């Protein structure tokens, strides 16, 4: 892997949730959840293609977004089993510190709501549409 360990170091050092590196250019975020990935796919979809990413938490929803963006490799602190299956299916090289059955919601009471939204799909494009709508609905409720 290229400089994956360096990306993970930066992720931890600067308390980020996401770093995507491509051709020496970094996109960083400290936003939680899939919001930064959705923003990147909307603003600059080609940036993810062939990129390397370090992410704090990757569940199936994020994995499907990474597959849509066609990243090359990913390193994460926490990975769900459904996410690992998606990344493997899409030939995305992955390393992780901890593997868990599912990503749990912030209250710790159930599966993450974004994970639930994509349980029934394995298609990155379908997942992208579902997740975009879900995030928009959540914004409208605030």
Foldseek 3Di string as FASTA:
>chain_A
DPPQVVQQVCCVVVVWFKWKDDPRDIDTHNDDDCVVLLVCCVPPLQSQAQIEMEGAEDELLNLLSSLSSNYAEYEYAEYEPNSVVLCVVSNHHYYYNYYHPADCDPVRPGGHPLNVQCVPDSHSVVSSVSNVVVVVVVVVVD
